[in-house]
Protein backbone atom coordinates (compact mmCIF):
# COMPACT_ATOMS: atom_id res chain seq x y z
CA UNK A 1 105.32 97.25 66.28
CA UNK A 2 105.35 100.37 68.45
CA UNK A 3 102.91 102.99 67.21
CA UNK A 4 102.84 106.73 67.85
CA UNK A 5 100.39 109.19 66.29
CA UNK A 6 101.26 112.79 65.46
CA UNK A 7 98.65 115.36 66.43
CA UNK A 8 98.58 119.11 66.09
CA UNK A 9 96.51 122.05 64.93
CA UNK A 10 96.91 123.30 61.34
CA UNK A 11 100.14 125.05 60.26
CA UNK A 12 102.34 123.58 63.00
CA UNK A 13 104.80 121.74 60.73
CA UNK A 14 103.46 118.35 61.81
CA UNK A 15 103.24 116.77 58.37
CA UNK A 16 106.65 118.14 57.40
CA UNK A 17 108.21 116.51 60.46
CA UNK A 18 106.40 113.26 59.69
CA UNK A 19 107.80 113.22 56.16
CA UNK A 20 111.31 113.92 57.39
CA UNK A 21 111.21 111.27 60.15
CA UNK A 22 109.78 108.54 57.97
CA UNK A 23 111.07 109.55 54.51
CA UNK A 24 107.43 109.44 53.40
CA UNK A 25 106.90 111.07 50.01
CA UNK A 26 103.28 112.00 50.46
CA UNK A 27 101.53 113.60 53.41
CA UNK A 28 97.81 113.15 54.03
CA UNK A 29 95.82 115.63 52.01
CA UNK A 30 92.19 115.67 53.17
CA UNK A 31 90.54 115.78 56.56
CA UNK A 32 90.72 112.32 58.05
CA UNK A 33 93.38 111.13 55.57
CA UNK A 34 96.10 109.04 57.17
CA UNK A 35 99.73 108.44 56.29
CA UNK A 36 101.81 105.73 57.98
CA UNK A 37 105.60 105.60 58.00
CA UNK A 38 108.37 103.70 59.77
CA UNK A 39 111.21 105.44 61.61
CA UNK A 40 114.49 103.80 62.56
CA UNK A 41 115.39 104.36 66.21
CA UNK A 42 118.84 106.00 66.31
CA UNK A 43 121.30 103.88 68.29
CA UNK A 44 125.01 104.67 68.35
CA UNK A 45 125.65 101.31 70.02
CA UNK A 46 124.30 99.47 67.00
CA UNK A 47 126.40 101.66 64.72
CA UNK A 48 129.57 100.85 66.67
CA UNK A 49 128.85 97.11 66.77
CA UNK A 50 128.11 97.08 63.04
CA UNK A 51 131.49 98.71 62.40
CA UNK A 52 133.20 96.00 64.48
CA UNK A 53 131.39 92.91 63.14
CA UNK A 54 130.83 94.14 59.57
CA UNK A 55 127.69 92.01 59.22
CA UNK A 56 125.71 91.34 56.06
CA UNK A 57 122.75 93.13 57.59
CA UNK A 58 122.14 95.91 60.14
CA UNK A 59 118.62 96.00 61.64
CA UNK A 60 117.69 98.89 63.96
CA UNK A 61 114.65 99.06 66.22
CA UNK A 62 111.70 100.83 64.61
CA UNK A 63 108.60 102.86 65.47
CA UNK A 64 105.51 103.28 63.30
CA UNK A 65 104.33 106.88 63.09
CA UNK A 66 100.90 107.93 61.88
CA UNK A 67 100.11 111.39 60.57
CA UNK A 68 96.45 112.32 60.44
CA UNK A 69 95.09 115.60 59.17
CA UNK A 70 94.11 117.25 62.46
CA UNK A 71 90.47 118.07 63.05
CA UNK A 72 91.59 121.43 64.38
CA UNK A 73 88.98 123.03 66.57
CA UNK A 74 86.01 121.17 65.16
CA UNK A 75 85.35 119.34 68.42
CA UNK A 76 86.34 116.40 70.55
CA UNK A 77 84.08 114.01 68.62
CA UNK A 78 86.36 114.35 65.59
CA UNK A 79 89.36 113.27 67.67
CA UNK A 80 87.77 110.26 69.30
CA UNK A 81 86.39 108.98 65.97
CA UNK A 82 89.82 108.71 64.34
CA UNK A 83 91.14 105.15 64.79
CA UNK A 84 94.73 106.25 64.21
CA UNK A 85 94.61 108.26 67.42
CA UNK A 86 92.79 105.66 69.50
CA UNK A 87 95.04 102.77 68.47
CA UNK A 88 98.30 104.62 69.12
CA UNK A 89 100.55 103.65 72.03
CA UNK A 90 101.52 107.31 72.48
CA UNK A 91 100.67 110.73 71.05
CA UNK A 92 103.21 113.20 69.65
CA UNK A 93 101.83 116.76 69.76
CA UNK A 94 103.62 119.19 67.46
CA UNK A 95 103.19 122.68 68.90
CA UNK A 96 103.87 125.78 66.82
CA UNK A 97 106.37 128.18 68.37
CA UNK A 98 107.54 129.83 65.16
CA UNK A 99 106.37 133.06 63.56
CA UNK A 100 106.06 133.24 59.79
CA UNK A 101 103.98 135.92 58.03
CA UNK A 102 103.68 133.61 55.03
CA UNK A 103 102.00 130.96 57.21
CA UNK A 104 99.43 132.76 59.38
CA UNK A 105 98.45 131.12 62.64
CA UNK A 106 94.78 130.03 62.50
CA UNK A 107 94.13 131.74 65.85
CA UNK A 108 95.76 134.97 64.74
CA UNK A 109 98.73 134.80 67.12
CA UNK A 110 101.47 132.36 68.10
CA UNK A 111 101.00 131.11 71.68
CA UNK A 112 102.48 127.64 72.27
CA UNK A 113 101.18 127.24 75.84
CA UNK A 114 97.66 128.17 74.73
CA UNK A 115 97.73 125.67 71.86
CA UNK A 116 99.19 122.88 73.99
CA UNK A 117 96.44 123.37 76.55
CA UNK A 118 93.76 123.62 73.86
CA UNK A 119 94.77 120.22 72.45
CA UNK A 120 94.85 118.69 75.93
CA UNK A 121 91.36 120.09 76.52
CA UNK A 122 90.21 118.37 73.31
CA UNK A 123 91.62 115.05 74.50
CA UNK A 124 90.05 115.46 77.93
CA UNK A 125 86.65 116.34 76.46
CA UNK A 126 86.77 113.36 74.10
CA UNK A 127 87.57 111.02 77.01
CA UNK A 128 84.86 112.50 79.20
CA UNK A 129 82.27 111.61 76.58
CA UNK A 130 83.54 108.01 76.40
CA UNK A 131 83.62 107.61 80.21
CA UNK A 132 80.17 109.10 80.74
CA UNK A 133 78.59 106.82 78.14
CA UNK A 134 80.20 103.77 79.71
CA UNK A 135 79.06 104.77 83.20
CA UNK A 136 75.50 105.15 81.94
CA UNK A 137 75.54 101.62 80.53
CA UNK A 138 77.16 100.23 83.68
CA UNK A 139 74.48 101.74 85.88
CA UNK A 140 71.91 99.58 84.09
CA UNK A 141 74.16 96.49 84.32
CA UNK A 142 74.76 96.96 88.06
CA UNK A 143 71.03 97.17 88.72
CA UNK A 144 70.63 93.68 87.26
CA UNK A 145 73.06 92.16 89.78
CA UNK A 146 76.32 92.65 91.63
CA UNK A 147 79.62 91.90 89.91
CA UNK A 148 82.89 92.56 91.82
CA UNK A 149 84.79 93.26 88.60
CA UNK A 150 82.07 95.54 87.27
CA UNK A 151 81.96 97.44 90.57
CA UNK A 152 85.74 97.97 90.46
CA UNK A 153 85.49 99.26 86.90
CA UNK A 154 82.61 101.53 87.90
CA UNK A 155 84.63 102.98 90.77
CA UNK A 156 87.67 103.54 88.55
CA UNK A 157 85.64 105.24 85.83
CA UNK A 158 83.95 107.41 88.43
CA UNK A 159 87.37 108.57 89.60
CA UNK A 160 88.39 109.20 85.98
CA UNK A 161 85.26 111.22 85.35
CA UNK A 162 86.00 113.44 88.33
CA UNK A 163 89.56 114.04 87.10
CA UNK A 164 88.38 114.82 83.57
CA UNK A 165 85.67 117.18 84.81
CA UNK A 166 88.40 119.00 86.70
CA UNK A 167 90.45 119.36 83.52
CA UNK A 168 93.03 116.72 84.48
CA UNK A 169 94.28 114.37 81.73
CA UNK A 170 94.24 110.72 82.76
CA UNK A 171 97.97 110.35 82.08
CA UNK A 172 98.58 112.58 85.13
CA UNK A 173 96.72 110.22 87.49
CA UNK A 174 99.62 107.78 87.79
CA UNK A 175 97.43 104.76 87.02
CA UNK A 176 99.10 101.36 86.99
CA UNK A 177 98.49 97.61 87.13
CA UNK A 178 94.86 96.48 87.10
CA UNK A 179 93.60 100.04 86.68
CA UNK A 180 95.49 100.43 83.41
CA UNK A 181 94.27 97.02 82.27
CA UNK A 182 90.66 97.98 82.94
CA UNK A 183 91.01 101.18 80.93
CA UNK A 184 92.92 99.68 78.00
CA UNK A 185 89.85 98.69 76.03
CA UNK A 186 88.47 102.23 76.07
CA UNK A 187 91.54 103.60 74.25
CA UNK A 188 91.27 106.87 76.15
CA UNK A 189 93.29 109.61 74.50
CA UNK A 190 94.35 111.63 77.54
CA UNK A 191 95.62 108.43 79.20
CA UNK A 192 98.24 107.90 76.50
CA UNK A 193 101.82 109.09 77.12
CA UNK A 194 102.38 112.46 75.44
CA UNK A 195 105.47 113.81 73.73
CA UNK A 196 105.32 117.55 73.06
CA UNK A 197 107.45 118.70 70.11
CA UNK A 198 108.14 122.43 70.28
CA UNK A 199 108.64 123.66 66.73
CA UNK A 200 110.83 126.75 67.17
CA UNK A 201 111.56 129.57 64.76
CA UNK A 202 115.09 130.14 63.50
CA UNK A 203 115.66 132.97 65.97
CA UNK A 204 115.31 130.51 68.85
CA UNK A 205 117.03 127.57 67.16
CA UNK A 206 119.90 127.81 69.65
CA UNK A 207 117.45 126.52 72.31
CA UNK A 208 116.73 123.33 70.35
CA UNK A 209 119.22 121.32 72.39
CA UNK A 210 117.68 122.30 75.72
CA UNK A 211 114.04 121.63 76.51
CA UNK A 212 114.30 123.85 79.59
CA UNK A 213 115.54 126.79 77.53
CA UNK A 214 112.91 126.22 74.84
CA UNK A 215 110.14 125.94 77.46
CA UNK A 216 111.28 129.16 79.12
CA UNK A 217 111.34 131.13 75.87
CA UNK A 218 107.98 129.82 74.65
CA UNK A 219 106.10 130.12 77.95
CA UNK A 220 105.55 126.37 78.18
CA UNK A 221 107.42 125.68 81.42
CA UNK A 222 104.30 125.22 83.58
CA UNK A 223 102.55 123.02 81.03
CA UNK A 224 105.55 120.74 80.56
CA UNK A 225 106.00 120.28 84.32
CA UNK A 226 102.93 118.03 84.41
CA UNK A 227 103.13 114.28 84.86
CA UNK A 228 103.03 111.77 82.02
CA UNK A 229 104.69 113.77 79.28
CA UNK A 230 108.05 114.60 77.77
CA UNK A 231 109.21 117.30 75.40
CA UNK A 232 111.68 117.83 72.55
CA UNK A 233 112.51 121.14 70.90
CA UNK A 234 113.56 121.59 67.28
CA UNK A 235 113.31 123.95 64.33
CA UNK A 236 111.60 122.32 61.34
CA UNK A 237 113.15 124.78 58.86
CA UNK A 238 116.63 123.81 60.01
CA UNK A 239 115.71 120.11 60.02
CA UNK A 240 114.77 120.50 56.34
CA UNK A 241 118.20 122.01 55.63
CA UNK A 242 119.96 119.21 57.52
CA UNK A 243 117.99 116.53 55.65
CA UNK A 244 119.23 117.93 52.32
CA UNK A 245 122.92 117.66 53.32
CA UNK A 246 125.37 114.82 52.91
CA UNK A 247 125.94 112.92 56.21
CA UNK A 248 129.37 114.47 56.85
CA UNK A 249 128.06 117.97 56.15
CA UNK A 250 125.01 117.38 58.33
CA UNK A 251 127.24 116.25 61.20
CA UNK A 252 129.36 119.39 60.86
CA UNK A 253 126.22 121.56 60.72
CA UNK A 254 124.92 120.03 63.96
CA UNK A 255 128.31 120.40 65.61
CA UNK A 256 128.37 124.08 64.75
CA UNK A 257 124.97 124.42 66.43
CA UNK A 258 126.23 122.63 69.54
CA UNK A 259 123.99 119.60 68.93
CA UNK A 260 125.04 115.95 68.99
CA UNK A 261 122.05 114.71 66.94
CA UNK A 262 119.25 116.08 64.80
CA UNK A 263 115.91 117.09 66.25
CA UNK A 264 114.25 114.33 64.24
CA UNK A 265 116.46 111.70 65.88
CA UNK A 266 115.64 113.19 69.27
CA UNK A 267 111.90 112.96 68.56
CA UNK A 268 112.21 109.31 67.50
CA UNK A 269 114.40 108.37 70.48
CA UNK A 270 112.16 110.24 72.94
CA UNK A 271 109.06 108.50 71.53
CA UNK A 272 110.74 105.12 72.00
CA UNK A 273 111.70 105.90 75.57
CA UNK A 274 108.30 107.43 76.36
CA UNK A 275 106.65 104.16 75.41
CA UNK A 276 108.74 102.41 78.05
CA UNK A 277 110.89 100.51 75.58
CA UNK A 278 114.59 99.77 75.40
CA UNK A 279 116.82 97.65 73.17
CA UNK A 280 118.93 94.57 73.62
CA UNK A 281 121.39 93.65 70.89
CA UNK A 282 122.42 90.57 68.98
CA UNK A 283 125.63 90.54 66.97
CA UNK A 284 127.43 88.37 64.46
CA UNK A 285 128.77 88.16 60.94
CA UNK A 286 125.29 87.68 59.47
CA UNK A 287 123.43 90.40 61.35
CA UNK A 288 123.71 93.07 64.02
CA UNK A 289 120.27 93.91 65.36
CA UNK A 290 118.50 95.97 68.03
CA UNK A 291 115.42 94.26 69.52
CA UNK A 292 112.63 96.27 71.14
CA UNK A 293 111.41 95.11 74.55
CA UNK A 294 109.63 96.76 77.46
CA UNK A 295 111.71 97.69 80.46
CA UNK A 296 111.60 94.88 83.02
CA UNK A 297 111.43 92.09 80.40
CA UNK A 298 112.88 88.72 81.43
CA UNK A 299 115.50 86.87 79.41
CA UNK A 300 112.91 84.21 78.57
CA UNK A 301 110.49 86.74 77.11
CA UNK A 302 113.31 88.55 75.31
CA UNK A 303 114.20 85.25 73.65
CA UNK A 304 110.59 85.04 72.45
CA UNK A 305 111.01 88.37 70.65
CA UNK A 306 113.56 86.67 68.38
CA UNK A 307 111.63 83.42 67.87
CA UNK A 308 109.12 81.33 69.81
CA UNK A 309 111.34 78.25 69.28
CA UNK A 310 114.22 79.98 71.10
CA UNK A 311 111.89 80.85 73.98
CA UNK A 312 110.49 77.32 74.12
CA UNK A 313 113.95 75.71 74.12
CA UNK A 314 115.62 78.34 76.34
CA UNK A 315 118.64 77.03 78.28
CA UNK A 316 120.75 80.06 79.20
CA UNK A 317 121.46 83.58 77.98
CA UNK A 318 125.05 84.62 77.36
CA UNK A 319 125.07 88.30 78.33
CA UNK A 320 127.60 91.12 78.27
CA UNK A 321 126.87 94.81 78.68
CA UNK A 322 127.61 97.07 75.73
CA UNK A 323 130.10 99.22 77.67
CA UNK A 324 131.98 96.15 78.91
CA UNK A 325 132.17 94.77 75.39
CA UNK A 326 133.47 98.03 73.95
CA UNK A 327 136.09 98.25 76.70
CA UNK A 328 137.34 94.71 75.92
CA UNK A 329 136.88 94.77 72.16
CA UNK A 330 135.78 91.17 71.60
CA UNK A 331 133.57 88.42 73.01
CA UNK A 332 136.63 86.28 73.67
CA UNK A 333 138.20 89.00 75.81
CA UNK A 334 134.90 89.48 77.68
CA UNK A 335 134.75 85.72 78.33
CA UNK A 336 138.35 85.65 79.59
CA UNK A 337 137.68 88.57 81.96
CA UNK A 338 134.49 87.04 83.30
CA UNK A 339 132.29 89.83 81.93
CA UNK A 340 130.41 87.48 79.61
CA UNK A 341 127.88 85.97 82.01
CA UNK A 342 125.41 83.09 81.87
CA UNK A 343 121.95 84.20 83.00
CA UNK A 344 118.77 82.22 83.61
CA UNK A 345 115.26 82.77 82.29
CA UNK A 346 114.30 85.17 85.12
CA UNK A 347 117.17 87.59 84.45
CA UNK A 348 115.83 91.08 83.75
CA UNK A 349 117.38 92.29 80.53
CA UNK A 350 119.13 95.68 80.73
CA UNK A 351 119.21 98.34 78.05
CA UNK A 352 122.18 97.69 75.75
CA UNK A 353 122.76 94.08 76.79
CA UNK A 354 124.41 92.04 74.05
CA UNK A 355 122.84 88.59 74.24
CA UNK A 356 123.32 85.20 72.67
CA UNK A 357 120.59 82.72 73.64
CA UNK A 358 121.52 79.09 74.17
CA UNK A 359 118.53 76.92 73.36
CA UNK A 360 117.53 73.36 72.60
CA UNK A 361 116.49 72.62 69.03
């Protein structure tokens, strides 16, 4: 399952957002305590298909979120020692942009850009310690004899150390392929994709639907322009109000604010996309389901997500795009119009493809 970890300094609203996104009843209470919850990835396509097929079961894609009591400013060692951070596929940094006299900011003033940079500095410092220790060990190993793979790793880590010493997070280096594979085992924090959640106050809630507007008002424009991150803006106080409403009332509330979906749904969807995932769909009277796969996944590997037997006995994939299906209204009409295609095992699945796998039993 996809896994994202929430990070943030104290009094940012992080644990409140975690509870709202995952419907978790209890937040972590002590330093180092961890809470894990599952969020359903919002998908209007799955909703529409469920309404058409009226299946016995509707199964959305999911993400696992972890909320860990932040170590605050106690040092990079505290970050790197928390397994919930290291094992995450991505980090979600909740940044405080709201003012509330009843909840004093630990630093004495609200400055979102300062706090975002301070957390990035913590991640960078934690990674620098890991890289330097590994380079020290490798120096001894290289003296014992040459190893092409070890030399490549040494060169890569040397480049990473230089970037980290210059205050550059590894996610901004544009690493790919073998370089990413070599770094994977180190679970470096600043190499993970980062989603910044700007927690606005009610006076700026009208900017929640526009990251650009929120970034401009909070002074975060320069920070968010960096590579390897995305951002979502919301107001946790308003999200609490929305969560307490009936669905129809919540929809009307959002409409009045000029928003098509809640901030929580936007955080979940942005986390899913940030991780490089998309969904293909299967439909029928028994079940309508969204399946999580990485972008660029072949039809053969997508079949394996459903069951290894389907992958092993793969013959063909019957594929129709969601938009084409909705335009025609039924599989039979898509077949008659030629929009229901037969694809082979090397076909690259597209986001929103509706697929039925033909396979040998």
